[in-house]
Amino acid sequence: MRKLILAVICSLALAGCSVQGALDTVKTAVTGIENPVSKSDLYNFENGMIIAFAGLNAYRQACELGSVGASCKDVIRQMQVYTKRIPAVLRTARVFVKQNDQVNAKVAFATLRQLMADFKAIASANNVKVQ
């Protein structure tokens, strides 16, 4: 009798685990898997990018007026590479997020962060206030 009761208790416990796993699977299938890079992440990044690029434009204007050092044109050329690459990668990241392509969205967002870090490093090394 004890063995029967023990068997019933064990089977109910195991059934509970399998039901919970099945419910989790159904929940994931119905709601989808959330992308680790969200639209708001891209929006926040874009706002930071706009501010940084505005700082570069202010530096360019100061360069044209002769208010900054003579090497300012070389600095601007170095930084303009990023003003072209960052928006292109941002567009690609938006597509990946929209399609819920998690792996590529993470890679594109990591690339964006690295490009912006490089942009800011060049700016900082040359006393350009970008943010």
N, C-alpha and C. Protein backbone atom coordinates (compact mmCIF):
# COMPACT_ATOMS: atom_id res chain seq x y z
N MET A 1 0.82 -1.19 0.00
CA MET A 1 0.00 0.00 0.00
C MET A 1 0.87 1.26 0.00
N ARG A 2 1.93 1.22 0.81
CA ARG A 2 2.81 2.38 0.87
C ARG A 2 3.48 2.63 -0.48
N LYS A 3 3.85 1.53 -1.12
CA LYS A 3 4.49 1.68 -2.44
C LYS A 3 3.53 2.30 -3.44
N LEU A 4 2.26 1.94 -3.36
CA LEU A 4 1.26 2.50 -4.26
C LEU A 4 1.08 3.99 -4.01
N ILE A 5 0.99 4.40 -2.76
CA ILE A 5 0.84 5.82 -2.42
C ILE A 5 2.08 6.59 -2.87
N LEU A 6 3.26 6.02 -2.62
CA LEU A 6 4.51 6.66 -3.04
C LEU A 6 4.56 6.80 -4.55
N ALA A 7 4.11 5.80 -5.27
CA ALA A 7 4.10 5.84 -6.74
C ALA A 7 3.14 6.92 -7.24
N VAL A 8 1.98 7.05 -6.61
CA VAL A 8 0.99 8.07 -7.01
C VAL A 8 1.54 9.47 -6.75
N ILE A 9 2.17 9.67 -5.60
CA ILE A 9 2.74 10.98 -5.26
C ILE A 9 3.85 11.35 -6.24
N CYS A 10 4.71 10.40 -6.54
CA CYS A 10 5.81 10.67 -7.49
C CYS A 10 5.27 10.97 -8.88
N SER A 11 4.27 10.23 -9.30
CA SER A 11 3.73 10.47 -10.63
C SER A 11 3.04 11.82 -10.72
N LEU A 12 2.35 12.24 -9.65
CA LEU A 12 1.73 13.56 -9.65
C LEU A 12 2.78 14.66 -9.68
N ALA A 13 3.85 14.46 -8.93
CA ALA A 13 4.92 15.46 -8.91
C ALA A 13 5.56 15.58 -10.28
N LEU A 14 5.84 14.45 -10.90
CA LEU A 14 6.44 14.47 -12.24
C LEU A 14 5.48 15.03 -13.27
N ALA A 15 4.21 14.73 -13.13
CA ALA A 15 3.21 15.27 -14.06
C ALA A 15 3.14 16.78 -13.95
N GLY A 16 3.27 17.29 -12.74
CA GLY A 16 3.27 18.75 -12.54
C GLY A 16 4.44 19.40 -13.25
N CYS A 17 5.61 18.77 -13.20
CA CYS A 17 6.79 19.32 -13.88
C CYS A 17 6.59 19.33 -15.39
N SER A 18 6.06 18.26 -15.93
CA SER A 18 5.89 18.19 -17.38
C SER A 18 4.80 19.15 -17.85
N VAL A 19 3.76 19.34 -17.04
CA VAL A 19 2.71 20.28 -17.40
C VAL A 19 3.27 21.71 -17.41
N GLN A 20 4.09 22.05 -16.41
CA GLN A 20 4.69 23.39 -16.37
C GLN A 20 5.59 23.61 -17.58
N GLY A 21 6.38 22.61 -17.95
CA GLY A 21 7.24 22.73 -19.13
C GLY A 21 6.42 22.91 -20.39
N ALA A 22 5.32 22.18 -20.49
CA ALA A 22 4.45 22.30 -21.66
C ALA A 22 3.81 23.69 -21.70
N LEU A 23 3.42 24.20 -20.53
CA LEU A 23 2.82 25.53 -20.49
C LEU A 23 3.83 26.60 -20.89
N ASP A 24 5.09 26.44 -20.45
CA ASP A 24 6.13 27.39 -20.85
C ASP A 24 6.36 27.37 -22.36
N THR A 25 6.34 26.18 -22.94
CA THR A 25 6.53 26.05 -24.38
C THR A 25 5.39 26.72 -25.13
N VAL A 26 4.16 26.50 -24.68
CA VAL A 26 2.99 27.12 -25.32
C VAL A 26 3.06 28.64 -25.16
N LYS A 27 3.43 29.12 -23.99
CA LYS A 27 3.53 30.56 -23.75
C LYS A 27 4.55 31.19 -24.69
N THR A 28 5.71 30.55 -24.86
CA THR A 28 6.75 31.06 -25.75
C THR A 28 6.26 31.06 -27.20
N ALA A 29 5.56 30.01 -27.59
CA ALA A 29 5.06 29.93 -28.97
C ALA A 29 4.02 31.00 -29.25
N VAL A 30 3.21 31.32 -28.26
CA VAL A 30 2.13 32.29 -28.45
C VAL A 30 2.66 33.72 -28.40
N THR A 31 3.50 34.01 -27.41
CA THR A 31 3.95 35.39 -27.24
C THR A 31 5.22 35.70 -28.00
N GLY A 32 5.97 34.70 -28.42
CA GLY A 32 7.23 34.94 -29.11
C GLY A 32 8.34 35.19 -28.11
N ILE A 33 9.54 35.20 -28.61
CA ILE A 33 10.70 35.47 -27.77
C ILE A 33 11.07 36.92 -27.96
N GLU A 34 11.24 37.62 -26.86
CA GLU A 34 11.54 39.04 -26.94
C GLU A 34 12.97 39.25 -27.39
N ASN A 35 13.14 40.17 -28.30
CA ASN A 35 14.45 40.49 -28.83
C ASN A 35 15.26 41.23 -27.76
N PRO A 36 16.51 40.83 -27.53
CA PRO A 36 17.31 41.50 -26.52
C PRO A 36 17.65 42.95 -26.88
N VAL A 37 17.55 43.30 -28.14
CA VAL A 37 17.74 44.68 -28.58
C VAL A 37 16.36 45.20 -28.96
N SER A 38 15.87 46.18 -28.21
CA SER A 38 14.52 46.67 -28.44
C SER A 38 14.54 47.94 -29.29
N LYS A 39 13.36 48.32 -29.72
CA LYS A 39 13.24 49.57 -30.48
C LYS A 39 13.65 50.76 -29.64
N SER A 40 13.37 50.70 -28.35
CA SER A 40 13.76 51.81 -27.48
C SER A 40 15.28 51.89 -27.33
N ASP A 41 15.97 50.74 -27.36
CA ASP A 41 17.44 50.77 -27.34
C ASP A 41 17.97 51.50 -28.57
N LEU A 42 17.40 51.19 -29.71
CA LEU A 42 17.83 51.84 -30.95
C LEU A 42 17.48 53.33 -30.93
N TYR A 43 16.31 53.66 -30.39
CA TYR A 43 15.89 55.05 -30.28
C TYR A 43 16.85 55.84 -29.39
N ASN A 44 17.20 55.26 -28.24
CA ASN A 44 18.14 55.93 -27.33
C ASN A 44 19.51 56.08 -27.97
N PHE A 45 19.96 55.06 -28.68
CA PHE A 45 21.25 55.15 -29.37
C PHE A 45 21.21 56.26 -30.42
N GLU A 46 20.11 56.30 -31.17
CA GLU A 46 19.99 57.32 -32.22
C GLU A 46 20.00 58.72 -31.63
N ASN A 47 19.35 58.92 -30.51
CA ASN A 47 19.37 60.24 -29.86
C ASN A 47 20.78 60.63 -29.46
N GLY A 48 21.54 59.68 -28.92
CA GLY A 48 22.94 59.94 -28.58
C GLY A 48 23.77 60.25 -29.81
N MET A 49 23.48 59.53 -30.89
CA MET A 49 24.18 59.76 -32.15
C MET A 49 23.90 61.17 -32.68
N ILE A 50 22.67 61.61 -32.59
CA ILE A 50 22.30 62.94 -33.07
C ILE A 50 23.07 64.01 -32.29
N ILE A 51 23.16 63.83 -30.98
CA ILE A 51 23.88 64.79 -30.14
C ILE A 51 25.37 64.79 -30.49
N ALA A 52 25.94 63.60 -30.66
CA ALA A 52 27.37 63.50 -30.98
C ALA A 52 27.67 64.13 -32.34
N PHE A 53 26.82 63.87 -33.32
CA PHE A 53 27.04 64.44 -34.65
C PHE A 53 26.84 65.96 -34.64
N ALA A 54 25.94 66.44 -33.79
CA ALA A 54 25.75 67.89 -33.65
C ALA A 54 27.02 68.52 -33.08
N GLY A 55 27.66 67.84 -32.14
CA GLY A 55 28.93 68.32 -31.60
C GLY A 55 30.01 68.39 -32.67
N LEU A 56 30.02 67.39 -33.53
CA LEU A 56 31.00 67.40 -34.63
C LEU A 56 30.70 68.54 -35.60
N ASN A 57 29.43 68.80 -35.86
CA ASN A 57 29.07 69.92 -36.75
C ASN A 57 29.49 71.26 -36.15
N ALA A 58 29.33 71.40 -34.85
CA ALA A 58 29.77 72.63 -34.18
C ALA A 58 31.29 72.78 -34.29
N TYR A 59 32.01 71.68 -34.15
CA TYR A 59 33.46 71.70 -34.30
C TYR A 59 33.85 72.07 -35.73
N ARG A 60 33.12 71.52 -36.69
CA ARG A 60 33.39 71.84 -38.10
C ARG A 60 33.19 73.33 -38.37
N GLN A 61 32.14 73.89 -37.81
CA GLN A 61 31.89 75.32 -37.99
C GLN A 61 32.98 76.16 -37.34
N ALA A 62 33.45 75.72 -36.17
CA ALA A 62 34.55 76.42 -35.51
C ALA A 62 35.83 76.29 -36.33
N CYS A 63 35.99 75.16 -36.97
CA CYS A 63 37.16 74.94 -37.83
C CYS A 63 37.12 75.89 -39.03
N GLU A 64 35.95 76.03 -39.63
CA GLU A 64 35.81 76.93 -40.78
C GLU A 64 36.07 78.38 -40.40
N LEU A 65 35.73 78.73 -39.16
CA LEU A 65 35.96 80.10 -38.69
C LEU A 65 37.40 80.30 -38.21
N GLY A 66 38.16 79.22 -38.09
CA GLY A 66 39.53 79.32 -37.64
C GLY A 66 39.67 79.41 -36.13
N SER A 67 38.64 79.02 -35.40
CA SER A 67 38.65 79.11 -33.93
C SER A 67 39.40 77.97 -33.26
N VAL A 68 39.64 76.90 -33.99
CA VAL A 68 40.34 75.74 -33.40
C VAL A 68 41.64 75.52 -34.16
N GLY A 69 42.43 74.58 -33.72
CA GLY A 69 43.76 74.33 -34.29
C GLY A 69 43.75 74.03 -35.78
N ALA A 70 44.93 74.13 -36.35
CA ALA A 70 45.07 73.93 -37.80
C ALA A 70 44.82 72.49 -38.22
N SER A 71 44.95 71.55 -37.31
CA SER A 71 44.75 70.13 -37.66
C SER A 71 43.27 69.74 -37.64
N CYS A 72 42.39 70.71 -37.49
CA CYS A 72 40.96 70.39 -37.34
C CYS A 72 40.38 69.67 -38.56
N LYS A 73 40.88 70.00 -39.75
CA LYS A 73 40.34 69.34 -40.95
C LYS A 73 40.70 67.86 -40.96
N ASP A 74 41.90 67.51 -40.49
CA ASP A 74 42.27 66.10 -40.41
C ASP A 74 41.41 65.36 -39.39
N VAL A 75 41.13 66.02 -38.28
CA VAL A 75 40.28 65.43 -37.25
C VAL A 75 38.88 65.18 -37.80
N ILE A 76 38.36 66.16 -38.52
CA ILE A 76 37.02 66.02 -39.10
C ILE A 76 36.99 64.87 -40.10
N ARG A 77 38.02 64.75 -40.91
CA ARG A 77 38.08 63.64 -41.88
C ARG A 77 38.08 62.29 -41.17
N GLN A 78 38.83 62.20 -40.07
CA GLN A 78 38.86 60.94 -39.31
C GLN A 78 37.49 60.61 -38.74
N MET A 79 36.79 61.62 -38.28
CA MET A 79 35.50 61.38 -37.62
C MET A 79 34.36 61.20 -38.63
N GLN A 80 34.50 61.75 -39.81
CA GLN A 80 33.44 61.62 -40.81
C GLN A 80 33.24 60.18 -41.27
N VAL A 81 34.26 59.36 -41.14
CA VAL A 81 34.11 57.95 -41.48
C VAL A 81 32.97 57.35 -40.64
N TYR A 82 32.91 57.74 -39.40
CA TYR A 82 31.89 57.21 -38.49
C TYR A 82 30.51 57.81 -38.77
N THR A 83 30.47 59.04 -39.24
CA THR A 83 29.16 59.65 -39.54
C THR A 83 28.51 58.98 -40.74
N LYS A 84 29.28 58.25 -41.51
CA LYS A 84 28.71 57.50 -42.64
C LYS A 84 28.39 56.06 -42.25
N ARG A 85 29.27 55.44 -41.46
CA ARG A 85 29.08 54.03 -41.11
C ARG A 85 27.99 53.82 -40.07
N ILE A 86 27.93 54.70 -39.07
CA ILE A 86 26.97 54.49 -37.97
C ILE A 86 25.52 54.51 -38.47
N PRO A 87 25.10 55.50 -39.28
CA PRO A 87 23.70 55.46 -39.76
C PRO A 87 23.39 54.23 -40.60
N ALA A 88 24.35 53.75 -41.37
CA ALA A 88 24.12 52.54 -42.19
C ALA A 88 23.90 51.32 -41.31
N VAL A 89 24.74 51.16 -40.29
CA VAL A 89 24.58 50.02 -39.39
C VAL A 89 23.30 50.16 -38.57
N LEU A 90 22.93 51.39 -38.21
CA LEU A 90 21.69 51.63 -37.48
C LEU A 90 20.48 51.19 -38.30
N ARG A 91 20.49 51.50 -39.58
CA ARG A 91 19.38 51.06 -40.45
C ARG A 91 19.30 49.54 -40.49
N THR A 92 20.44 48.89 -40.59
CA THR A 92 20.47 47.43 -40.61
C THR A 92 19.96 46.87 -39.29
N ALA A 93 20.37 47.45 -38.19
CA ALA A 93 19.91 46.98 -36.87
C ALA A 93 18.40 47.14 -36.74
N ARG A 94 17.85 48.23 -37.26
CA ARG A 94 16.39 48.42 -37.20
C ARG A 94 15.66 47.30 -37.92
N VAL A 95 16.19 46.90 -39.07
CA VAL A 95 15.56 45.81 -39.83
C VAL A 95 15.61 44.52 -39.02
N PHE A 96 16.75 44.23 -38.41
CA PHE A 96 16.87 43.00 -37.61
C PHE A 96 15.92 43.01 -36.42
N VAL A 97 15.79 44.15 -35.76
CA VAL A 97 14.89 44.24 -34.61
C VAL A 97 13.44 44.08 -35.08
N LYS A 98 13.11 44.71 -36.19
CA LYS A 98 11.74 44.63 -36.71
C LYS A 98 11.39 43.19 -37.08
N GLN A 99 12.36 42.45 -37.63
CA GLN A 99 12.13 41.06 -38.02
C GLN A 99 12.34 40.08 -36.87
N ASN A 100 12.70 40.62 -35.69
CA ASN A 100 12.98 39.82 -34.49
C ASN A 100 14.12 38.83 -34.73
N ASP A 101 15.10 39.24 -35.52
CA ASP A 101 16.30 38.45 -35.76
C ASP A 101 17.28 38.76 -34.63
N GLN A 102 17.20 37.97 -33.57
CA GLN A 102 17.89 38.29 -32.33
C GLN A 102 19.41 38.28 -32.46
N VAL A 103 19.94 37.27 -33.11
CA VAL A 103 21.40 37.15 -33.19
C VAL A 103 21.99 38.31 -33.97
N ASN A 104 21.44 38.58 -35.14
CA ASN A 104 21.97 39.66 -35.97
C ASN A 104 21.71 41.03 -35.34
N ALA A 105 20.60 41.18 -34.63
CA ALA A 105 20.33 42.45 -33.96
C ALA A 105 21.37 42.70 -32.88
N LYS A 106 21.73 41.68 -32.12
CA LYS A 106 22.75 41.83 -31.09
C LYS A 106 24.10 42.18 -31.70
N VAL A 107 24.44 41.52 -32.80
CA VAL A 107 25.72 41.79 -33.47
C VAL A 107 25.74 43.22 -34.01
N ALA A 108 24.65 43.63 -34.65
CA ALA A 108 24.59 44.99 -35.20
C ALA A 108 24.64 46.03 -34.09
N PHE A 109 23.96 45.78 -32.98
CA PHE A 109 23.96 46.75 -31.88
C PHE A 109 25.34 46.82 -31.23
N ALA A 110 26.01 45.68 -31.11
CA ALA A 110 27.38 45.68 -30.57
C ALA A 110 28.32 46.45 -31.51
N THR A 111 28.10 46.31 -32.81
CA THR A 111 28.90 47.06 -33.79
C THR A 111 28.64 48.55 -33.64
N LEU A 112 27.37 48.92 -33.47
CA LEU A 112 27.03 50.33 -33.27
C LEU A 112 27.73 50.90 -32.05
N ARG A 113 27.68 50.16 -30.97
CA ARG A 113 28.31 50.64 -29.73
C ARG A 113 29.82 50.82 -29.92
N GLN A 114 30.45 49.87 -30.63
CA GLN A 114 31.89 49.96 -30.85
C GLN A 114 32.23 51.14 -31.75
N LEU A 115 31.44 51.34 -32.80
CA LEU A 115 31.67 52.48 -33.69
C LEU A 115 31.53 53.80 -32.93
N MET A 116 30.51 53.90 -32.09
CA MET A 116 30.31 55.13 -31.32
C MET A 116 31.44 55.32 -30.31
N ALA A 117 31.91 54.24 -29.71
CA ALA A 117 33.03 54.34 -28.77
C ALA A 117 34.29 54.83 -29.49
N ASP A 118 34.53 54.32 -30.69
CA ASP A 118 35.68 54.76 -31.47
C ASP A 118 35.54 56.23 -31.86
N PHE A 119 34.34 56.62 -32.26
CA PHE A 119 34.05 58.01 -32.62
C PHE A 119 34.35 58.93 -31.44
N LYS A 120 33.87 58.54 -30.27
CA LYS A 120 34.07 59.37 -29.07
C LYS A 120 35.53 59.38 -28.63
N ALA A 121 36.24 58.28 -28.86
CA ALA A 121 37.66 58.22 -28.49
C ALA A 121 38.47 59.20 -29.34
N ILE A 122 38.18 59.25 -30.63
CA ILE A 122 38.87 60.20 -31.51
C ILE A 122 38.52 61.62 -31.10
N ALA A 123 37.25 61.83 -30.81
CA ALA A 123 36.81 63.17 -30.39
C ALA A 123 37.51 63.59 -29.10
N SER A 124 37.57 62.70 -28.15
CA SER A 124 38.20 63.00 -26.87
C SER A 124 39.68 63.27 -27.02
N ALA A 125 40.35 62.49 -27.85
CA ALA A 125 41.78 62.65 -28.07
C ALA A 125 42.11 64.00 -28.72
N ASN A 126 41.12 64.57 -29.44
CA ASN A 126 41.34 65.82 -30.17
C ASN A 126 40.58 66.99 -29.57
N ASN A 127 40.08 66.83 -28.34
CA ASN A 127 39.33 67.87 -27.64
C ASN A 127 38.09 68.36 -28.39
N VAL A 128 37.41 67.43 -29.03
CA VAL A 128 36.14 67.75 -29.70
C VAL A 128 35.02 67.34 -28.75
N LYS A 129 34.17 68.28 -28.41
CA LYS A 129 33.07 68.01 -27.48
C LYS A 129 31.88 67.46 -28.27
N VAL A 130 31.69 66.14 -28.17
CA VAL A 130 30.58 65.52 -28.89
C VAL A 130 29.44 65.11 -27.98
N GLN A 131 29.65 65.17 -26.67
CA GLN A 131 28.55 64.84 -25.76
C GLN A 131 28.87 65.20 -24.37
